[in-house]
PDB file of all heavy atoms in Angstrom:
ATOM      1  N   LYS A   1      81.070 121.047  90.998  1.00  0.00           N
ATOM      2  CA  LYS A   1      80.487 120.339  92.135  1.00  0.00           C
ATOM      3  C   LYS A   1      79.646 119.152  91.680  1.00  0.00           C
ATOM      4  O   LYS A   1      79.364 118.247  92.476  1.00  0.00           O
ATOM      5  CB  LYS A   1      79.632 121.299  92.961  1.00  0.00           C
ATOM      6  CG  LYS A   1      80.431 122.384  93.682  1.00  0.00           C
ATOM      7  CD  LYS A   1      79.507 123.327  94.438  1.00  0.00           C
ATOM      8  CE  LYS A   1      80.298 124.452  95.110  1.00  0.00           C
ATOM      9  NZ  LYS A   1      79.398 125.427  95.793  1.00  0.00           N
ATOM     10  N   ALA A   2      79.253 119.143  90.422  1.00  0.00           N
ATOM     11  CA  ALA A   2      78.473 118.022  89.892  1.00  0.00           C
ATOM     12  C   ALA A   2      79.244 116.709  89.984  1.00  0.00           C
ATOM     13  O   ALA A   2      78.644 115.629  89.963  1.00  0.00           O
ATOM     14  CB  ALA A   2      78.073 118.293  88.442  1.00  0.00           C
ATOM     15  N   SER A   3      80.567 116.790  90.086  1.00  0.00           N
ATOM     16  CA  SER A   3      81.392 115.581  90.189  1.00  0.00           C
ATOM     17  C   SER A   3      81.139 114.826  91.484  1.00  0.00           C
ATOM     18  O   SER A   3      81.382 113.617  91.569  1.00  0.00           O
ATOM     19  CB  SER A   3      82.873 115.941  90.085  1.00  0.00           C
ATOM     20  OG  SER A   3      83.259 116.777  91.175  1.00  0.00           O
ATOM     21  N   GLU A   4      80.646 115.510  92.515  1.00  0.00           N
ATOM     22  CA  GLU A   4      80.485 114.895  93.834  1.00  0.00           C
ATOM     23  C   GLU A   4      79.486 113.749  93.820  1.00  0.00           C
ATOM     24  O   GLU A   4      79.667 112.743  94.509  1.00  0.00           O
ATOM     25  CB  GLU A   4      80.060 115.950  94.856  1.00  0.00           C
ATOM     26  CG  GLU A   4      81.109 117.046  95.087  1.00  0.00           C
ATOM     27  CD  GLU A   4      80.601 118.148  95.999  1.00  0.00           C
ATOM     28  OE1 GLU A   4      79.461 118.018  96.520  1.00  0.00           O
ATOM     29  OE2 GLU A   4      81.335 119.144  96.190  1.00  0.00           O
ATOM     30  N   ASP A   5      78.413 113.874  93.042  1.00  0.00           N
ATOM     31  CA  ASP A   5      77.346 112.869  93.040  1.00  0.00           C
ATOM     32  C   ASP A   5      77.224 112.124  91.714  1.00  0.00           C
ATOM     33  O   ASP A   5      76.339 111.277  91.566  1.00  0.00           O
ATOM     34  CB  ASP A   5      76.002 113.537  93.359  1.00  0.00           C
ATOM     35  CG  ASP A   5      75.980 114.163  94.743  1.00  0.00           C
ATOM     36  OD1 ASP A   5      76.460 113.522  95.691  1.00  0.00           O
ATOM     37  OD2 ASP A   5      75.500 115.309  94.880  1.00  0.00           O
ATOM     38  N   ALA A   6      78.066 112.437  90.749  1.00  0.00           N
ATOM     39  CA  ALA A   6      77.945 111.844  89.417  1.00  0.00           C
ATOM     40  C   ALA A   6      78.256 110.357  89.433  1.00  0.00           C
ATOM     41  O   ALA A   6      79.105 109.877  90.195  1.00  0.00           O
ATOM     42  CB  ALA A   6      78.874 112.562  88.445  1.00  0.00           C
ATOM     43  N   VAL A   7      77.562 109.617  88.570  1.00  0.00           N
ATOM     44  CA  VAL A   7      77.796 108.187  88.379  1.00  0.00           C
ATOM     45  C   VAL A   7      77.877 107.904  86.884  1.00  0.00           C
ATOM     46  O   VAL A   7      77.391 108.689  86.059  1.00  0.00           O
ATOM     47  CB  VAL A   7      76.685 107.334  89.032  1.00  0.00           C
ATOM     48  CG1 VAL A   7      76.636 107.554  90.530  1.00  0.00           C
ATOM     49  CG2 VAL A   7      75.330 107.621  88.392  1.00  0.00           C
ATOM     50  N   PRO A   8      78.492 106.778  86.491  1.00  0.00           N
ATOM     51  CA  PRO A   8      78.606 106.446  85.067  1.00  0.00           C
ATOM     52  C   PRO A   8      77.242 106.377  84.389  1.00  0.00           C
ATOM     53  O   PRO A   8      76.293 105.819  84.948  1.00  0.00           O
ATOM     54  CB  PRO A   8      79.279 105.072  85.075  1.00  0.00           C
ATOM     55  CG  PRO A   8      79.972 104.983  86.382  1.00  0.00           C
ATOM     56  CD  PRO A   8      79.141 105.764  87.340  1.00  0.00           C
ATOM     57  N   GLY A   9      77.146 106.956  83.218  1.00  0.00           N
ATOM     58  CA  GLY A   9      75.908 106.928  82.449  1.00  0.00           C
ATOM     59  C   GLY A   9      75.086 108.196  82.552  1.00  0.00           C
ATOM     60  O   GLY A   9      74.157 108.398  81.765  1.00  0.00           O
ATOM     61  N   GLN A  10      75.406 109.071  83.509  1.00  0.00           N
ATOM     62  CA  GLN A  10      74.699 110.343  83.605  1.00  0.00           C
ATOM     63  C   GLN A  10      75.267 111.347  82.607  1.00  0.00           C
ATOM     64  O   GLN A  10      76.253 111.077  81.911  1.00  0.00           O
ATOM     65  CB  GLN A  10      74.804 110.893  85.030  1.00  0.00           C
ATOM     66  CG  GLN A  10      74.006 110.111  86.060  1.00  0.00           C
ATOM     67  CD  GLN A  10      74.047 110.775  87.431  1.00  0.00           C
ATOM     68  OE1 GLN A  10      75.109 110.942  88.030  1.00  0.00           O
ATOM     69  NE2 GLN A  10      72.881 111.140  87.934  1.00  0.00           N
ATOM     70  N   PHE A  11      74.643 112.531  82.552  1.00  0.00           N
ATOM     71  CA  PHE A  11      75.108 113.582  81.655  1.00  0.00           C
ATOM     72  C   PHE A  11      75.023 114.926  82.356  1.00  0.00           C
ATOM     73  O   PHE A  11      74.476 115.043  83.469  1.00  0.00           O
ATOM     74  CB  PHE A  11      74.291 113.592  80.354  1.00  0.00           C
ATOM     75  CG  PHE A  11      72.839 113.970  80.527  1.00  0.00           C
ATOM     76  CD1 PHE A  11      72.395 115.270  80.308  1.00  0.00           C
ATOM     77  CD2 PHE A  11      71.892 113.014  80.885  1.00  0.00           C
ATOM     78  CE1 PHE A  11      71.058 115.615  80.449  1.00  0.00           C
ATOM     79  CE2 PHE A  11      70.547 113.346  81.034  1.00  0.00           C
ATOM     80  CZ  PHE A  11      70.132 114.652  80.809  1.00  0.00           C
ATOM     81  N   ILE A  12      75.605 115.940  81.747  1.00  0.00           N
ATOM     82  CA  ILE A  12      75.485 117.308  82.236  1.00  0.00           C
ATOM     83  C   ILE A  12      74.976 118.190  81.107  1.00  0.00           C
ATOM     84  O   ILE A  12      75.158 117.881  79.928  1.00  0.00           O
ATOM     85  CB  ILE A  12      76.823 117.871  82.775  1.00  0.00           C
ATOM     86  CG1 ILE A  12      77.919 117.851  81.694  1.00  0.00           C
ATOM     87  CG2 ILE A  12      77.269 117.115  84.017  1.00  0.00           C
ATOM     88  CD1 ILE A  12      79.219 118.530  82.114  1.00  0.00           C
ATOM     89  N   ASN A  13      74.312 119.262  81.484  1.00  0.00           N
ATOM     90  CA  ASN A  13      73.940 120.307  80.528  1.00  0.00           C
ATOM     91  C   ASN A  13      75.012 121.390  80.573  1.00  0.00           C
ATOM     92  O   ASN A  13      75.347 121.894  81.653  1.00  0.00           O
ATOM     93  CB  ASN A  13      72.593 120.927  80.896  1.00  0.00           C
ATOM     94  CG  ASN A  13      71.420 120.189  80.284  1.00  0.00           C
ATOM     95  OD1 ASN A  13      71.597 119.318  79.432  1.00  0.00           O
ATOM     96  ND2 ASN A  13      70.220 120.525  80.715  1.00  0.00           N
ATOM     97  N   ILE A  14      75.534 121.752  79.418  1.00  0.00           N
ATOM     98  CA  ILE A  14      76.494 122.852  79.325  1.00  0.00           C
ATOM     99  C   ILE A  14      75.827 123.982  78.551  1.00  0.00           C
ATOM    100  O   ILE A  14      75.302 123.764  77.452  1.00  0.00           O
ATOM    101  CB  ILE A  14      77.793 122.422  78.631  1.00  0.00           C
ATOM    102  CG1 ILE A  14      78.418 121.213  79.346  1.00  0.00           C
ATOM    103  CG2 ILE A  14      78.793 123.584  78.601  1.00  0.00           C
ATOM    104  CD1 ILE A  14      79.716 120.718  78.712  1.00  0.00           C
ATOM    105  N   PHE A  15      75.846 125.168  79.127  1.00  0.00           N
ATOM    106  CA  PHE A  15      75.170 126.319  78.537  1.00  0.00           C
ATOM    107  C   PHE A  15      76.161 127.164  77.741  1.00  0.00           C
ATOM    108  O   PHE A  15      77.321 127.330  78.123  1.00  0.00           O
ATOM    109  CB  PHE A  15      74.530 127.178  79.623  1.00  0.00           C
ATOM    110  CG  PHE A  15      73.388 126.513  80.332  1.00  0.00           C
ATOM    111  CD1 PHE A  15      73.629 125.579  81.335  1.00  0.00           C
ATOM    112  CD2 PHE A  15      72.081 126.807  80.003  1.00  0.00           C
ATOM    113  CE1 PHE A  15      72.583 124.952  81.994  1.00  0.00           C
ATOM    114  CE2 PHE A  15      71.026 126.177  80.655  1.00  0.00           C
ATOM    115  CZ  PHE A  15      71.270 125.256  81.649  1.00  0.00           C
ATOM    116  N   SER A  16      75.675 127.709  76.638  1.00  0.00           N
ATOM    117  CA  SER A  16      76.479 128.603  75.818  1.00  0.00           C
ATOM    118  C   SER A  16      76.697 129.927  76.542  1.00  0.00           C
ATOM    119  O   SER A  16      75.840 130.400  77.296  1.00  0.00           O
ATOM    120  CB  SER A  16      75.777 128.849  74.483  1.00  0.00           C
ATOM    121  OG  SER A  16      76.414 129.881  73.767  1.00  0.00           O
ATOM    122  N   ASN A  17      77.843 130.530  76.304  1.00  0.00           N
ATOM    123  CA  ASN A  17      78.100 131.878  76.821  1.00  0.00           C
ATOM    124  C   ASN A  17      77.482 132.945  75.916  1.00  0.00           C
ATOM    125  O   ASN A  17      77.549 134.136  76.217  1.00  0.00           O
ATOM    126  CB  ASN A  17      79.605 132.109  76.967  1.00  0.00           C
ATOM    127  CG  ASN A  17      80.190 131.336  78.148  1.00  0.00           C
ATOM    128  OD1 ASN A  17      79.562 131.236  79.197  1.00  0.00           O
ATOM    129  ND2 ASN A  17      81.378 130.783  77.972  1.00  0.00           N
ATOM    130  N   ASP A  18      76.898 132.500  74.805  1.00  0.00           N
ATOM    131  CA  ASP A  18      76.199 133.382  73.875  1.00  0.00           C
ATOM    132  C   ASP A  18      74.733 133.453  74.292  1.00  0.00           C
ATOM    133  O   ASP A  18      74.008 132.452  74.240  1.00  0.00           O
ATOM    134  CB  ASP A  18      76.339 132.832  72.447  1.00  0.00           C
ATOM    135  CG  ASP A  18      75.617 133.665  71.404  1.00  0.00           C
ATOM    136  OD1 ASP A  18      74.869 134.596  71.782  1.00  0.00           O
ATOM    137  OD2 ASP A  18      75.799 133.380  70.204  1.00  0.00           O
ATOM    138  N   GLY A  19      74.289 134.605  74.739  1.00  0.00           N
ATOM    139  CA  GLY A  19      72.929 134.764  75.240  1.00  0.00           C
ATOM    140  C   GLY A  19      71.841 134.438  74.235  1.00  0.00           C
ATOM    141  O   GLY A  19      70.691 134.199  74.619  1.00  0.00           O
ATOM    142  N   SER A  20      72.165 134.424  72.950  1.00  0.00           N
ATOM    143  CA  SER A  20      71.156 134.110  71.933  1.00  0.00           C
ATOM    144  C   SER A  20      70.871 132.614  71.853  1.00  0.00           C
ATOM    145  O   SER A  20      69.889 132.196  71.246  1.00  0.00           O
ATOM    146  CB  SER A  20      71.608 134.626  70.563  1.00  0.00           C
ATOM    147  OG  SER A  20      72.728 133.898  70.085  1.00  0.00           O
ATOM    148  N   LYS A  21      71.752 131.794  72.426  1.00  0.00           N
ATOM    149  CA  LYS A  21      71.553 130.340  72.438  1.00  0.00           C
ATOM    150  C   LYS A  21      70.991 129.959  73.804  1.00  0.00           C
ATOM    151  O   LYS A  21      71.723 129.799  74.786  1.00  0.00           O
ATOM    152  CB  LYS A  21      72.874 129.613  72.168  1.00  0.00           C
ATOM    153  CG  LYS A  21      73.503 129.919  70.808  1.00  0.00           C
ATOM    154  CD  LYS A  21      74.781 129.105  70.626  1.00  0.00           C
ATOM    155  CE  LYS A  21      75.424 129.382  69.277  1.00  0.00           C
ATOM    156  NZ  LYS A  21      76.064 130.717  69.255  1.00  0.00           N
ATOM    157  N   LEU A  22      69.683 129.822  73.888  1.00  0.00           N
ATOM    158  CA  LEU A  22      69.022 129.644  75.173  1.00  0.00           C
ATOM    159  C   LEU A  22      69.111 128.219  75.699  1.00  0.00           C
ATOM    160  O   LEU A  22      69.204 128.008  76.906  1.00  0.00           O
ATOM    161  CB  LEU A  22      67.553 130.064  75.060  1.00  0.00           C
ATOM    162  CG  LEU A  22      67.297 131.531  74.687  1.00  0.00           C
ATOM    163  CD1 LEU A  22      65.797 131.786  74.588  1.00  0.00           C
ATOM    164  CD2 LEU A  22      67.928 132.466  75.712  1.00  0.00           C
ATOM    165  N   LEU A  23      69.049 127.242  74.817  1.00  0.00           N
ATOM    166  CA  LEU A  23      69.010 125.853  75.263  1.00  0.00           C
ATOM    167  C   LEU A  23      70.414 125.319  75.517  1.00  0.00           C
ATOM    168  O   LEU A  23      71.334 125.560  74.731  1.00  0.00           O
ATOM    169  CB  LEU A  23      68.311 124.974  74.231  1.00  0.00           C
ATOM    170  CG  LEU A  23      66.826 125.247  74.006  1.00  0.00           C
ATOM    171  CD1 LEU A  23      66.294 124.332  72.914  1.00  0.00           C
ATOM    172  CD2 LEU A  23      66.036 125.067  75.293  1.00  0.00           C
ATOM    173  N   PRO A  24      70.578 124.558  76.597  1.00  0.00           N
ATOM    174  CA  PRO A  24      71.886 123.962  76.876  1.00  0.00           C
ATOM    175  C   PRO A  24      72.141 122.762  75.968  1.00  0.00           C
ATOM    176  O   PRO A  24      71.215 122.248  75.320  1.00  0.00           O
ATOM    177  CB  PRO A  24      71.757 123.522  78.329  1.00  0.00           C
ATOM    178  CG  PRO A  24      70.305 123.211  78.479  1.00  0.00           C
ATOM    179  CD  PRO A  24      69.588 124.226  77.625  1.00  0.00           C
ATOM    180  N   ARG A  25      73.376 122.305  75.960  1.00  0.00           N
ATOM    181  CA  ARG A  25      73.744 121.101  75.212  1.00  0.00           C
ATOM    182  C   ARG A  25      73.991 119.978  76.206  1.00  0.00           C
ATOM    183  O   ARG A  25      74.864 120.107  77.073  1.00  0.00           O
ATOM    184  CB  ARG A  25      75.001 121.327  74.362  1.00  0.00           C
ATOM    185  CG  ARG A  25      74.755 121.895  72.969  1.00  0.00           C
ATOM    186  CD  ARG A  25      73.989 123.183  72.977  1.00  0.00           C
ATOM    187  NE  ARG A  25      73.800 123.736  71.616  1.00  0.00           N
ATOM    188  CZ  ARG A  25      73.142 124.847  71.358  1.00  0.00           C
ATOM    189  NH1 ARG A  25      72.575 125.524  72.346  1.00  0.00           N
ATOM    190  NH2 ARG A  25      73.005 125.281  70.120  1.00  0.00           N
ATOM    191  N   PRO A  26      73.217 118.878  76.111  1.00  0.00           N
ATOM    192  CA  PRO A  26      73.443 117.739  77.008  1.00  0.00           C
ATOM    193  C   PRO A  26      74.617 116.901  76.502  1.00  0.00           C
ATOM    194  O   PRO A  26      74.644 116.506  75.332  1.00  0.00           O
ATOM    195  CB  PRO A  26      72.132 116.965  76.912  1.00  0.00           C
ATOM    196  CG  PRO A  26      71.605 117.281  75.544  1.00  0.00           C
ATOM    197  CD  PRO A  26      72.073 118.663  75.199  1.00  0.00           C
ATOM    198  N   ILE A  27      75.580 116.628  77.368  1.00  0.00           N
ATOM    199  CA  ILE A  27      76.754 115.850  76.982  1.00  0.00           C
ATOM    200  C   ILE A  27      77.019 114.793  78.047  1.00  0.00           C
ATOM    201  O   ILE A  27      77.061 115.091  79.246  1.00  0.00           O
ATOM    202  CB  ILE A  27      77.990 116.747  76.792  1.00  0.00           C
ATOM    203  CG1 ILE A  27      77.710 117.834  75.747  1.00  0.00           C
ATOM    204  CG2 ILE A  27      79.193 115.902  76.370  1.00  0.00           C
ATOM    205  CD1 ILE A  27      78.881 118.776  75.496  1.00  0.00           C
ATOM    206  N   SER A  28      77.204 113.570  77.614  1.00  0.00           N
ATOM    207  CA  SER A  28      77.418 112.458  78.534  1.00  0.00           C
ATOM    208  C   SER A  28      78.748 112.600  79.272  1.00  0.00           C
ATOM    209  O   SER A  28      79.729 113.118  78.732  1.00  0.00           O
ATOM    210  CB  SER A  28      77.408 111.130  77.773  1.00  0.00           C
ATOM    211  OG  SER A  28      76.162 110.901  77.168  1.00  0.00           O
ATOM    212  N   ILE A  29      78.748 112.093  80.485  1.00  0.00           N
ATOM    213  CA  ILE A  29      79.967 112.113  81.298  1.00  0.00           C
ATOM    214  C   ILE A  29      80.876 110.970  80.865  1.00  0.00           C
ATOM    215  O   ILE A  29      80.445 109.814  80.779  1.00  0.00           O
ATOM    216  CB  ILE A  29      79.621 111.989  82.788  1.00  0.00           C
ATOM    217  CG1 ILE A  29      78.828 113.219  83.251  1.00  0.00           C
ATOM    218  CG2 ILE A  29      80.879 111.814  83.633  1.00  0.00           C
ATOM    219  CD1 ILE A  29      78.217 113.071  84.628  1.00  0.00           C
ATOM    220  N   CYS A  30      82.125 111.295  80.612  1.00  0.00           N
ATOM    221  CA  CYS A  30      83.119 110.306  80.190  1.00  0.00           C
ATOM    222  C   CYS A  30      83.924 109.787  81.376  1.00  0.00           C
ATOM    223  O   CYS A  30      84.136 108.581  81.506  1.00  0.00           O
ATOM    224  CB  CYS A  30      84.042 110.928  79.142  1.00  0.00           C
ATOM    225  SG  CYS A  30      85.415 109.873  78.616  1.00  0.00           S
ATOM    226  N   GLU A  31      84.403 110.693  82.227  1.00  0.00           N
ATOM    227  CA  GLU A  31      85.172 110.301  83.406  1.00  0.00           C
ATOM    228  C   GLU A  31      84.795 111.173  84.596  1.00  0.00           C
ATOM    229  O   GLU A  31      84.433 112.342  84.430  1.00  0.00           O
ATOM    230  CB  GLU A  31      86.677 110.409  83.153  1.00  0.00           C
ATOM    231  CG  GLU A  31      87.226 109.346  82.216  1.00  0.00           C
ATOM    232  CD  GLU A  31      88.746 109.384  82.132  1.00  0.00           C
ATOM    233  OE1 GLU A  31      89.265 110.256  81.398  1.00  0.00           O
ATOM    234  OE2 GLU A  31      89.402 108.562  82.791  1.00  0.00           O
ATOM    235  N   ILE A  32      84.915 110.590  85.780  1.00  0.00           N
ATOM    236  CA  ILE A  32      84.598 111.275  87.032  1.00  0.00           C
ATOM    237  C   ILE A  32      85.811 111.195  87.943  1.00  0.00           C
ATOM    238  O   ILE A  32      86.332 110.098  88.190  1.00  0.00           O
ATOM    239  CB  ILE A  32      83.390 110.613  87.737  1.00  0.00           C
ATOM    240  CG1 ILE A  32      82.160 110.585  86.822  1.00  0.00           C
ATOM    241  CG2 ILE A  32      83.076 111.327  89.055  1.00  0.00           C
ATOM    242  CD1 ILE A  32      81.074 109.631  87.293  1.00  0.00           C
ATOM    243  N   ASP A  33      86.274 112.324  88.432  1.00  0.00           N
ATOM    244  CA  ASP A  33      87.371 112.349  89.397  1.00  0.00           C
ATOM    245  C   ASP A  33      86.884 113.090  90.638  1.00  0.00           C
ATOM    246  O   ASP A  33      86.948 114.312  90.715  1.00  0.00           O
ATOM    247  CB  ASP A  33      88.607 113.030  88.799  1.00  0.00           C
ATOM    248  CG  ASP A  33      89.843 112.868  89.677  1.00  0.00           C
ATOM    249  OD1 ASP A  33      89.689 112.753  90.917  1.00  0.00           O
ATOM    250  OD2 ASP A  33      90.974 112.864  89.134  1.00  0.00           O
ATOM    251  N   LYS A  34      86.368 112.329  91.584  1.00  0.00           N
ATOM    252  CA  LYS A  34      85.809 112.950  92.787  1.00  0.00           C
ATOM    253  C   LYS A  34      86.902 113.599  93.636  1.00  0.00           C
ATOM    254  O   LYS A  34      86.655 114.615  94.293  1.00  0.00           O
ATOM    255  CB  LYS A  34      85.039 111.909  93.590  1.00  0.00           C
ATOM    256  CG  LYS A  34      83.789 111.388  92.866  1.00  0.00           C
ATOM    257  CD  LYS A  34      82.998 110.441  93.743  1.00  0.00           C
ATOM    258  CE  LYS A  34      81.844 109.807  92.968  1.00  0.00           C
ATOM    259  NZ  LYS A  34      80.828 110.777  92.534  1.00  0.00           N
ATOM    260  N   ALA A  35      88.105 113.023  93.637  1.00  0.00           N
ATOM    261  CA  ALA A  35      89.199 113.581  94.431  1.00  0.00           C
ATOM    262  C   ALA A  35      89.592 114.965  93.928  1.00  0.00           C
ATOM    263  O   ALA A  35      89.858 115.881  94.718  1.00  0.00           O
ATOM    264  CB  ALA A  35      90.395 112.639  94.411  1.00  0.00           C
ATOM    265  N   GLN A  36      89.628 115.123  92.608  1.00  0.00           N
ATOM    266  CA  GLN A  36      89.997 116.407  92.013  1.00  0.00           C
ATOM    267  C   GLN A  36      88.790 117.323  91.807  1.00  0.00           C
ATOM    268  O   GLN A  36      88.950 118.500  91.486  1.00  0.00           O
ATOM    269  CB  GLN A  36      90.702 116.179  90.663  1.00  0.00           C
ATOM    270  CG  GLN A  36      92.025 115.440  90.765  1.00  0.00           C
ATOM    271  CD  GLN A  36      93.061 116.208  91.555  1.00  0.00           C
ATOM    272  OE1 GLN A  36      93.191 117.428  91.423  1.00  0.00           O
ATOM    273  NE2 GLN A  36      93.796 115.504  92.406  1.00  0.00           N
ATOM    274  N   GLY A  37      87.588 116.770  91.974  1.00  0.00           N
ATOM    275  CA  GLY A  37      86.379 117.569  91.773  1.00  0.00           C
ATOM    276  C   GLY A  37      86.144 117.929  90.326  1.00  0.00           C
ATOM    277  O   GLY A  37      85.684 119.043  90.019  1.00  0.00           O
ATOM    278  N   THR A  38      86.404 116.966  89.406  1.00  0.00           N
ATOM    279  CA  THR A  38      86.267 117.254  87.981  1.00  0.00           C
ATOM    280  C   THR A  38      85.437 116.189  87.269  1.00  0.00           C
ATOM    281  O   THR A  38      85.347 115.040  87.707  1.00  0.00           O
ATOM    282  CB  THR A  38      87.641 117.327  87.278  1.00  0.00           C
ATOM    283  OG1 THR A  38      88.314 116.067  87.410  1.00  0.00           O
ATOM    284  CG2 THR A  38      88.495 118.437  87.870  1.00  0.00           C
TER     285      THR A  38
END
């Protein structure tokens, strides 16, 4: 759903599925496809 409001230059936090890794990894957005929601 983050694709709905995303603009070039923003980033997302992606969280590990490993509970021992508490902090997310910030990764810049490369492409936005609002029609596909990706």
